[in-house]
Amino acid sequence: MDFGTPPLRRSRDRRIVAGVMGGIAEHFDLNVTLLRVLYVIVSIASAAFPGIIVYLLLWLLIPARRPGDPVPARG
């Protein structure tokens, strides 16, 4: 069964800490720098959005891309 896009994985190429934002950017075909800046701004501006805790949870929940895993096609 081919569902079109590969599953969400942490990036191996676009990583600074764990590849979470890089993987999300690859999966949804977004600019990784813009996504990181937006994430930091929302984390700082909102007391209800504990960015570091959410990032750590995403790090635990999103599996790492393994060699041979398909990379989402860029449109």
PDB file of N, CA and C in Angstrom:
ATOM      1  N   MET A   1       0.827  -1.187   0.000  1.00  0.00           N
ATOM      2  CA  MET A   1       0.000   0.000   0.000  1.00  0.00           C
ATOM      3  C   MET A   1       0.864   1.240   0.000  1.00  0.00           C
ATOM      4  N   ASP A   2       0.654   2.120  -0.940  1.00  0.00           N
ATOM      5  CA  ASP A   2       1.408   3.366  -1.008  1.00  0.00           C
ATOM      6  C   ASP A   2       0.478   4.521  -0.670  1.00  0.00           C
ATOM      7  N   PHE A   3       0.789   5.213   0.420  1.00  0.00           N
ATOM      8  CA  PHE A   3      -0.051   6.320   0.842  1.00  0.00           C
ATOM      9  C   PHE A   3       0.502   7.663   0.389  1.00  0.00           C
ATOM     10  N   GLY A   4       1.469   7.671  -0.498  1.00  0.00           N
ATOM     11  CA  GLY A   4       1.988   8.919  -1.043  1.00  0.00           C
ATOM     12  C   GLY A   4       3.219   9.434  -0.318  1.00  0.00           C
ATOM     13  N   THR A   5       3.048  10.038   0.837  1.00  0.00           N
ATOM     14  CA  THR A   5       4.192  10.614   1.544  1.00  0.00           C
ATOM     15  C   THR A   5       4.713   9.652   2.602  1.00  0.00           C
ATOM     16  N   PRO A   6       6.018   9.648   2.783  1.00  0.00           N
ATOM     17  CA  PRO A   6       6.599   8.805   3.839  1.00  0.00           C
ATOM     18  C   PRO A   6       6.201   9.329   5.219  1.00  0.00           C
ATOM     19  N   PRO A   7       6.306   8.507   6.246  1.00  0.00           N
ATOM     20  CA  PRO A   7       5.927   8.956   7.589  1.00  0.00           C
ATOM     21  C   PRO A   7       6.877  10.042   8.114  1.00  0.00           C
ATOM     22  N   LEU A   8       6.393  10.778   9.087  1.00  0.00           N
ATOM     23  CA  LEU A   8       7.179  11.839   9.711  1.00  0.00           C
ATOM     24  C   LEU A   8       8.362  11.222  10.454  1.00  0.00           C
ATOM     25  N   ARG A   9       9.549  11.701  10.158  1.00  0.00           N
ATOM     26  CA  ARG A   9      10.783  11.242  10.796  1.00  0.00           C
ATOM     27  C   ARG A   9      11.649  12.454  11.133  1.00  0.00           C
ATOM     28  N   ARG A  10      12.509  12.312  12.155  1.00  0.00           N
ATOM     29  CA  ARG A  10      13.477  13.368  12.452  1.00  0.00           C
ATOM     30  C   ARG A  10      14.528  13.387  11.353  1.00  0.00           C
ATOM     31  N   SER A  11      14.953  14.577  10.984  1.00  0.00           N
ATOM     32  CA  SER A  11      15.904  14.736   9.896  1.00  0.00           C
ATOM     33  C   SER A  11      17.319  14.363  10.329  1.00  0.00           C
ATOM     34  N   ARG A  12      18.052  13.752   9.413  1.00  0.00           N
ATOM     35  CA  ARG A  12      19.472  13.469   9.653  1.00  0.00           C
ATOM     36  C   ARG A  12      20.338  14.571   9.058  1.00  0.00           C
ATOM     37  N   ASP A  13      19.814  15.289   8.064  1.00  0.00           N
ATOM     38  CA  ASP A  13      20.591  16.306   7.356  1.00  0.00           C
ATOM     39  C   ASP A  13      20.363  17.714   7.889  1.00  0.00           C
ATOM     40  N   ARG A  14      19.148  18.014   8.297  1.00  0.00           N
ATOM     41  CA  ARG A  14      18.784  19.364   8.730  1.00  0.00           C
ATOM     42  C   ARG A  14      18.612  19.407  10.240  1.00  0.00           C
ATOM     43  N   ARG A  15      19.609  18.993  10.964  1.00  0.00           N
ATOM     44  CA  ARG A  15      19.485  18.953  12.407  1.00  0.00           C
ATOM     45  C   ARG A  15      20.431  19.953  13.048  1.00  0.00           C
ATOM     46  N   ILE A  16      19.946  20.533  14.151  1.00  0.00           N
ATOM     47  CA  ILE A  16      20.795  21.358  14.997  1.00  0.00           C
ATOM     48  C   ILE A  16      20.928  20.648  16.343  1.00  0.00           C
ATOM     49  N   VAL A  17      19.812  20.215  16.904  1.00  0.00           N
ATOM     50  CA  VAL A  17      19.841  19.467  18.163  1.00  0.00           C
ATOM     51  C   VAL A  17      19.477  18.012  17.884  1.00  0.00           C
ATOM     52  N   ALA A  18      18.212  17.759  17.577  1.00  0.00           N
ATOM     53  CA  ALA A  18      17.771  16.379  17.384  1.00  0.00           C
ATOM     54  C   ALA A  18      17.135  16.130  16.023  1.00  0.00           C
ATOM     55  N   GLY A  19      16.982  17.168  15.209  1.00  0.00           N
ATOM     56  CA  GLY A  19      16.390  17.002  13.891  1.00  0.00           C
ATOM     57  C   GLY A  19      14.878  17.068  13.874  1.00  0.00           C
ATOM     58  N   VAL A  20      14.271  17.491  14.994  1.00  0.00           N
ATOM     59  CA  VAL A  20      12.800  17.545  15.077  1.00  0.00           C
ATOM     60  C   VAL A  20      12.247  18.575  14.096  1.00  0.00           C
ATOM     61  N   MET A  21      12.714  19.818  14.187  1.00  0.00           N
ATOM     62  CA  MET A  21      12.198  20.869  13.303  1.00  0.00           C
ATOM     63  C   MET A  21      12.578  20.584  11.846  1.00  0.00           C
ATOM     64  N   GLY A  22      13.771  20.045  11.616  1.00  0.00           N
ATOM     65  CA  GLY A  22      14.176  19.683  10.258  1.00  0.00           C
ATOM     66  C   GLY A  22      13.284  18.611   9.669  1.00  0.00           C
ATOM     67  N   GLY A  23      12.909  17.625  10.475  1.00  0.00           N
ATOM     68  CA  GLY A  23      12.022  16.562  10.005  1.00  0.00           C
ATOM     69  C   GLY A  23      10.623  17.061   9.705  1.00  0.00           C
ATOM     70  N   ILE A  24      10.119  17.946  10.561  1.00  0.00           N
ATOM     71  CA  ILE A  24       8.792  18.526  10.316  1.00  0.00           C
ATOM     72  C   ILE A  24       8.829  19.374   9.047  1.00  0.00           C
ATOM     73  N   ALA A  25       9.891  20.159   8.876  1.00  0.00           N
ATOM     74  CA  ALA A  25      10.019  20.993   7.678  1.00  0.00           C
ATOM     75  C   ALA A  25      10.104  20.141   6.417  1.00  0.00           C
ATOM     76  N   GLU A  26      10.853  19.051   6.463  1.00  0.00           N
ATOM     77  CA  GLU A  26      10.943  18.162   5.295  1.00  0.00           C
ATOM     78  C   GLU A  26       9.601  17.513   4.995  1.00  0.00           C
ATOM     79  N   HIS A  27       8.920  17.066   6.036  1.00  0.00           N
ATOM     80  CA  HIS A  27       7.653  16.358   5.845  1.00  0.00           C
ATOM     81  C   HIS A  27       6.579  17.253   5.222  1.00  0.00           C
ATOM     82  N   PHE A  28       6.505  18.509   5.700  1.00  0.00           N
ATOM     83  CA  PHE A  28       5.467  19.423   5.216  1.00  0.00           C
ATOM     84  C   PHE A  28       5.982  20.393   4.160  1.00  0.00           C
ATOM     85  N   ASP A  29       7.210  20.176   3.683  1.00  0.00           N
ATOM     86  CA  ASP A  29       7.829  21.009   2.647  1.00  0.00           C
ATOM     87  C   ASP A  29       7.825  22.487   3.042  1.00  0.00           C
ATOM     88  N   LEU A  30       8.372  22.776   4.233  1.00  0.00           N
ATOM     89  CA  LEU A  30       8.462  24.138   4.754  1.00  0.00           C
ATOM     90  C   LEU A  30       9.917  24.568   4.828  1.00  0.00           C
ATOM     91  N   ASN A  31      10.132  25.856   4.932  1.00  0.00           N
ATOM     92  CA  ASN A  31      11.462  26.405   5.139  1.00  0.00           C
ATOM     93  C   ASN A  31      11.870  26.125   6.584  1.00  0.00           C
ATOM     94  N   VAL A  32      12.945  25.385   6.778  1.00  0.00           N
ATOM     95  CA  VAL A  32      13.339  24.954   8.118  1.00  0.00           C
ATOM     96  C   VAL A  32      13.757  26.132   8.996  1.00  0.00           C
ATOM     97  N   THR A  33      14.416  27.124   8.436  1.00  0.00           N
ATOM     98  CA  THR A  33      14.836  28.285   9.224  1.00  0.00           C
ATOM     99  C   THR A  33      13.623  29.060   9.713  1.00  0.00           C
ATOM    100  N   LEU A  34      12.674  29.288   8.840  1.00  0.00           N
ATOM    101  CA  LEU A  34      11.452  29.998   9.223  1.00  0.00           C
ATOM    102  C   LEU A  34      10.697  29.226  10.299  1.00  0.00           C
ATOM    103  N   LEU A  35      10.615  27.926  10.163  1.00  0.00           N
ATOM    104  CA  LEU A  35       9.927  27.096  11.156  1.00  0.00           C
ATOM    105  C   LEU A  35      10.612  27.196  12.518  1.00  0.00           C
ATOM    106  N   ARG A  36      11.928  27.157  12.543  1.00  0.00           N
ATOM    107  CA  ARG A  36      12.672  27.269  13.807  1.00  0.00           C
ATOM    108  C   ARG A  36      12.459  28.625  14.464  1.00  0.00           C
ATOM    109  N   VAL A  37      12.534  29.691  13.671  1.00  0.00           N
ATOM    110  CA  VAL A  37      12.329  31.041  14.210  1.00  0.00           C
ATOM    111  C   VAL A  37      10.920  31.180  14.758  1.00  0.00           C
ATOM    112  N   LEU A  38       9.932  30.705  14.033  1.00  0.00           N
ATOM    113  CA  LEU A  38       8.547  30.758  14.499  1.00  0.00           C
ATOM    114  C   LEU A  38       8.366  29.983  15.796  1.00  0.00           C
ATOM    115  N   TYR A  39       8.982  28.821  15.890  1.00  0.00           N
ATOM    116  CA  TYR A  39       8.887  27.985  17.089  1.00  0.00           C
ATOM    117  C   TYR A  39       9.478  28.706  18.297  1.00  0.00           C
ATOM    118  N   VAL A  40      10.622  29.335  18.128  1.00  0.00           N
ATOM    119  CA  VAL A  40      11.266  30.060  19.227  1.00  0.00           C
ATOM    120  C   VAL A  40      10.419  31.261  19.641  1.00  0.00           C
ATOM    121  N   ILE A  41       9.891  31.999  18.682  1.00  0.00           N
ATOM    122  CA  ILE A  41       9.062  33.169  19.000  1.00  0.00           C
ATOM    123  C   ILE A  41       7.816  32.753  19.772  1.00  0.00           C
ATOM    124  N   VAL A  42       7.134  31.719  19.307  1.00  0.00           N
ATOM    125  CA  VAL A  42       5.931  31.246  20.002  1.00  0.00           C
ATOM    126  C   VAL A  42       6.289  30.717  21.390  1.00  0.00           C
ATOM    127  N   SER A  43       7.421  30.043  21.508  1.00  0.00           N
ATOM    128  CA  SER A  43       7.849  29.512  22.810  1.00  0.00           C
ATOM    129  C   SER A  43       8.128  30.629  23.808  1.00  0.00           C
ATOM    130  N   ILE A  44       8.753  31.699  23.358  1.00  0.00           N
ATOM    131  CA  ILE A  44       9.087  32.813  24.245  1.00  0.00           C
ATOM    132  C   ILE A  44       7.862  33.662  24.556  1.00  0.00           C
ATOM    133  N   ALA A  45       7.010  33.892  23.563  1.00  0.00           N
ATOM    134  CA  ALA A  45       5.877  34.793  23.715  1.00  0.00           C
ATOM    135  C   ALA A  45       4.726  34.202  24.527  1.00  0.00           C
ATOM    136  N   SER A  46       4.665  32.894  24.652  1.00  0.00           N
ATOM    137  CA  SER A  46       3.516  32.269  25.296  1.00  0.00           C
ATOM    138  C   SER A  46       3.936  31.489  26.539  1.00  0.00           C
ATOM    139  N   ALA A  47       3.369  31.865  27.655  1.00  0.00           N
ATOM    140  CA  ALA A  47       3.645  31.130  28.899  1.00  0.00           C
ATOM    141  C   ALA A  47       2.945  29.767  28.883  1.00  0.00           C
ATOM    142  N   ALA A  48       1.897  29.634  28.079  1.00  0.00           N
ATOM    143  CA  ALA A  48       1.134  28.388  28.018  1.00  0.00           C
ATOM    144  C   ALA A  48       1.758  27.377  27.052  1.00  0.00           C
ATOM    145  N   PHE A  49       2.826  27.753  26.373  1.00  0.00           N
ATOM    146  CA  PHE A  49       3.468  26.877  25.386  1.00  0.00           C
ATOM    147  C   PHE A  49       4.917  26.651  25.799  1.00  0.00           C
ATOM    148  N   PRO A  50       5.142  25.678  26.678  1.00  0.00           N
ATOM    149  CA  PRO A  50       6.519  25.416  27.132  1.00  0.00           C
ATOM    150  C   PRO A  50       7.330  24.734  26.032  1.00  0.00           C
ATOM    151  N   GLY A  51       7.990  25.531  25.214  1.00  0.00           N
ATOM    152  CA  GLY A  51       8.667  25.041  24.020  1.00  0.00           C
ATOM    153  C   GLY A  51       9.670  23.943  24.253  1.00  0.00           C
ATOM    154  N   ILE A  52      10.442  24.034  25.306  1.00  0.00           N
ATOM    155  CA  ILE A  52      11.485  23.034  25.545  1.00  0.00           C
ATOM    156  C   ILE A  52      10.873  21.674  25.866  1.00  0.00           C
ATOM    157  N   ILE A  53       9.781  21.665  26.627  1.00  0.00           N
ATOM    158  CA  ILE A  53       9.106  20.407  26.982  1.00  0.00           C
ATOM    159  C   ILE A  53       8.470  19.785  25.744  1.00  0.00           C
ATOM    160  N   VAL A  54       7.830  20.610  24.926  1.00  0.00           N
ATOM    161  CA  VAL A  54       7.214  20.111  23.692  1.00  0.00           C
ATOM    162  C   VAL A  54       8.289  19.553  22.759  1.00  0.00           C
ATOM    163  N   TYR A  55       9.422  20.255  22.652  1.00  0.00           N
ATOM    164  CA  TYR A  55      10.504  19.781  21.804  1.00  0.00           C
ATOM    165  C   TYR A  55      11.025  18.432  22.293  1.00  0.00           C
ATOM    166  N   LEU A  56      11.215  18.297  23.582  1.00  0.00           N
ATOM    167  CA  LEU A  56      11.696  17.032  24.141  1.00  0.00           C
ATOM    168  C   LEU A  56      10.706  15.896  23.897  1.00  0.00           C
ATOM    169  N   LEU A  57       9.409  16.193  24.032  1.00  0.00           N
ATOM    170  CA  LEU A  57       8.389  15.176  23.742  1.00  0.00           C
ATOM    171  C   LEU A  57       8.417  14.766  22.272  1.00  0.00           C
ATOM    172  N   LEU A  58       8.538  15.756  21.382  1.00  0.00           N
ATOM    173  CA  LEU A  58       8.624  15.440  19.959  1.00  0.00           C
ATOM    174  C   LEU A  58       9.867  14.617  19.658  1.00  0.00           C
ATOM    175  N   TRP A  59      10.963  14.922  20.337  1.00  0.00           N
ATOM    176  CA  TRP A  59      12.207  14.174  20.167  1.00  0.00           C
ATOM    177  C   TRP A  59      11.994  12.699  20.527  1.00  0.00           C
ATOM    178  N   LEU A  60      11.237  12.473  21.579  1.00  0.00           N
ATOM    179  CA  LEU A  60      10.966  11.101  21.999  1.00  0.00           C
ATOM    180  C   LEU A  60       9.949  10.393  21.098  1.00  0.00           C
ATOM    181  N   LEU A  61       8.968  11.130  20.592  1.00  0.00           N
ATOM    182  CA  LEU A  61       7.866  10.519  19.848  1.00  0.00           C
ATOM    183  C   LEU A  61       8.133  10.333  18.352  1.00  0.00           C
ATOM    184  N   ILE A  62       8.920  11.221  17.756  1.00  0.00           N
ATOM    185  CA  ILE A  62       9.177  11.130  16.319  1.00  0.00           C
ATOM    186  C   ILE A  62      10.437  10.288  16.112  1.00  0.00           C
ATOM    187  N   PRO A  63      10.316   9.179  15.413  1.00  0.00           N
ATOM    188  CA  PRO A  63      11.499   8.336  15.202  1.00  0.00           C
ATOM    189  C   PRO A  63      12.502   9.001  14.257  1.00  0.00           C
ATOM    190  N   ALA A  64      13.760   8.647  14.418  1.00  0.00           N
ATOM    191  CA  ALA A  64      14.816   9.177  13.552  1.00  0.00           C
ATOM    192  C   ALA A  64      14.748   8.520  12.181  1.00  0.00           C
ATOM    193  N   ARG A  65      15.123   9.282  11.174  1.00  0.00           N
ATOM    194  CA  ARG A  65      15.193   8.721   9.827  1.00  0.00           C
ATOM    195  C   ARG A  65      16.406   7.801   9.778  1.00  0.00           C
ATOM    196  N   ARG A  66      16.207   6.608   9.279  1.00  0.00           N
ATOM    197  CA  ARG A  66      17.291   5.637   9.157  1.00  0.00           C
ATOM    198  C   ARG A  66      17.847   5.687   7.742  1.00  0.00           C
ATOM    199  N   PRO A  67      19.087   5.265   7.556  1.00  0.00           N
ATOM    200  CA  PRO A  67      19.606   5.187   6.187  1.00  0.00           C
ATOM    201  C   PRO A  67      18.699   4.295   5.344  1.00  0.00           C
ATOM    202  N   GLY A  68      18.326   4.766   4.203  1.00  0.00           N
ATOM    203  CA  GLY A  68      17.442   3.996   3.323  1.00  0.00           C
ATOM    204  C   GLY A  68      15.983   4.394   3.414  1.00  0.00           C
ATOM    205  N   ASP A  69      15.602   5.144   4.483  1.00  0.00           N
ATOM    206  CA  ASP A  69      14.225   5.631   4.577  1.00  0.00           C
ATOM    207  C   ASP A  69      13.969   6.646   3.471  1.00  0.00           C
ATOM    208  N   PRO A  70      12.782   6.639   2.887  1.00  0.00           N
ATOM    209  CA  PRO A  70      12.491   7.627   1.837  1.00  0.00           C
ATOM    210  C   PRO A  70      12.400   9.026   2.427  1.00  0.00           C
ATOM    211  N   VAL A  71      12.907   9.984   1.681  1.00  0.00           N
ATOM    212  CA  VAL A  71      12.818  11.390   2.071  1.00  0.00           C
ATOM    213  C   VAL A  71      11.638  11.990   1.330  1.00  0.00           C
ATOM    214  N   PRO A  72      10.788  12.783   2.016  1.00  0.00           N
ATOM    215  CA  PRO A  72       9.652  13.390   1.333  1.00  0.00           C
ATOM    216  C   PRO A  72      10.101  14.210   0.133  1.00  0.00           C
ATOM    217  N   ALA A  73       9.384  14.065  -0.977  1.00  0.00           N
ATOM    218  CA  ALA A  73       9.713  14.802  -2.193  1.00  0.00           C
ATOM    219  C   ALA A  73       9.388  16.272  -2.007  1.00  0.00           C
ATOM    220  N   ARG A  74      10.247  17.098  -2.509  1.00  0.00           N
ATOM    221  CA  ARG A  74      10.017  18.545  -2.445  1.00  0.00           C
ATOM    222  C   ARG A  74       9.214  18.965  -3.657  1.00  0.00           C
ATOM    223  N   GLY A  75       8.186  19.795  -3.409  1.00  0.00           N
ATOM    224  CA  GLY A  75       7.315  20.216  -4.495  1.00  0.00           C
ATOM    225  C   GLY A  75       7.708  21.452  -5.072  1.00  0.00           C
TER     226      GLY A  75
END
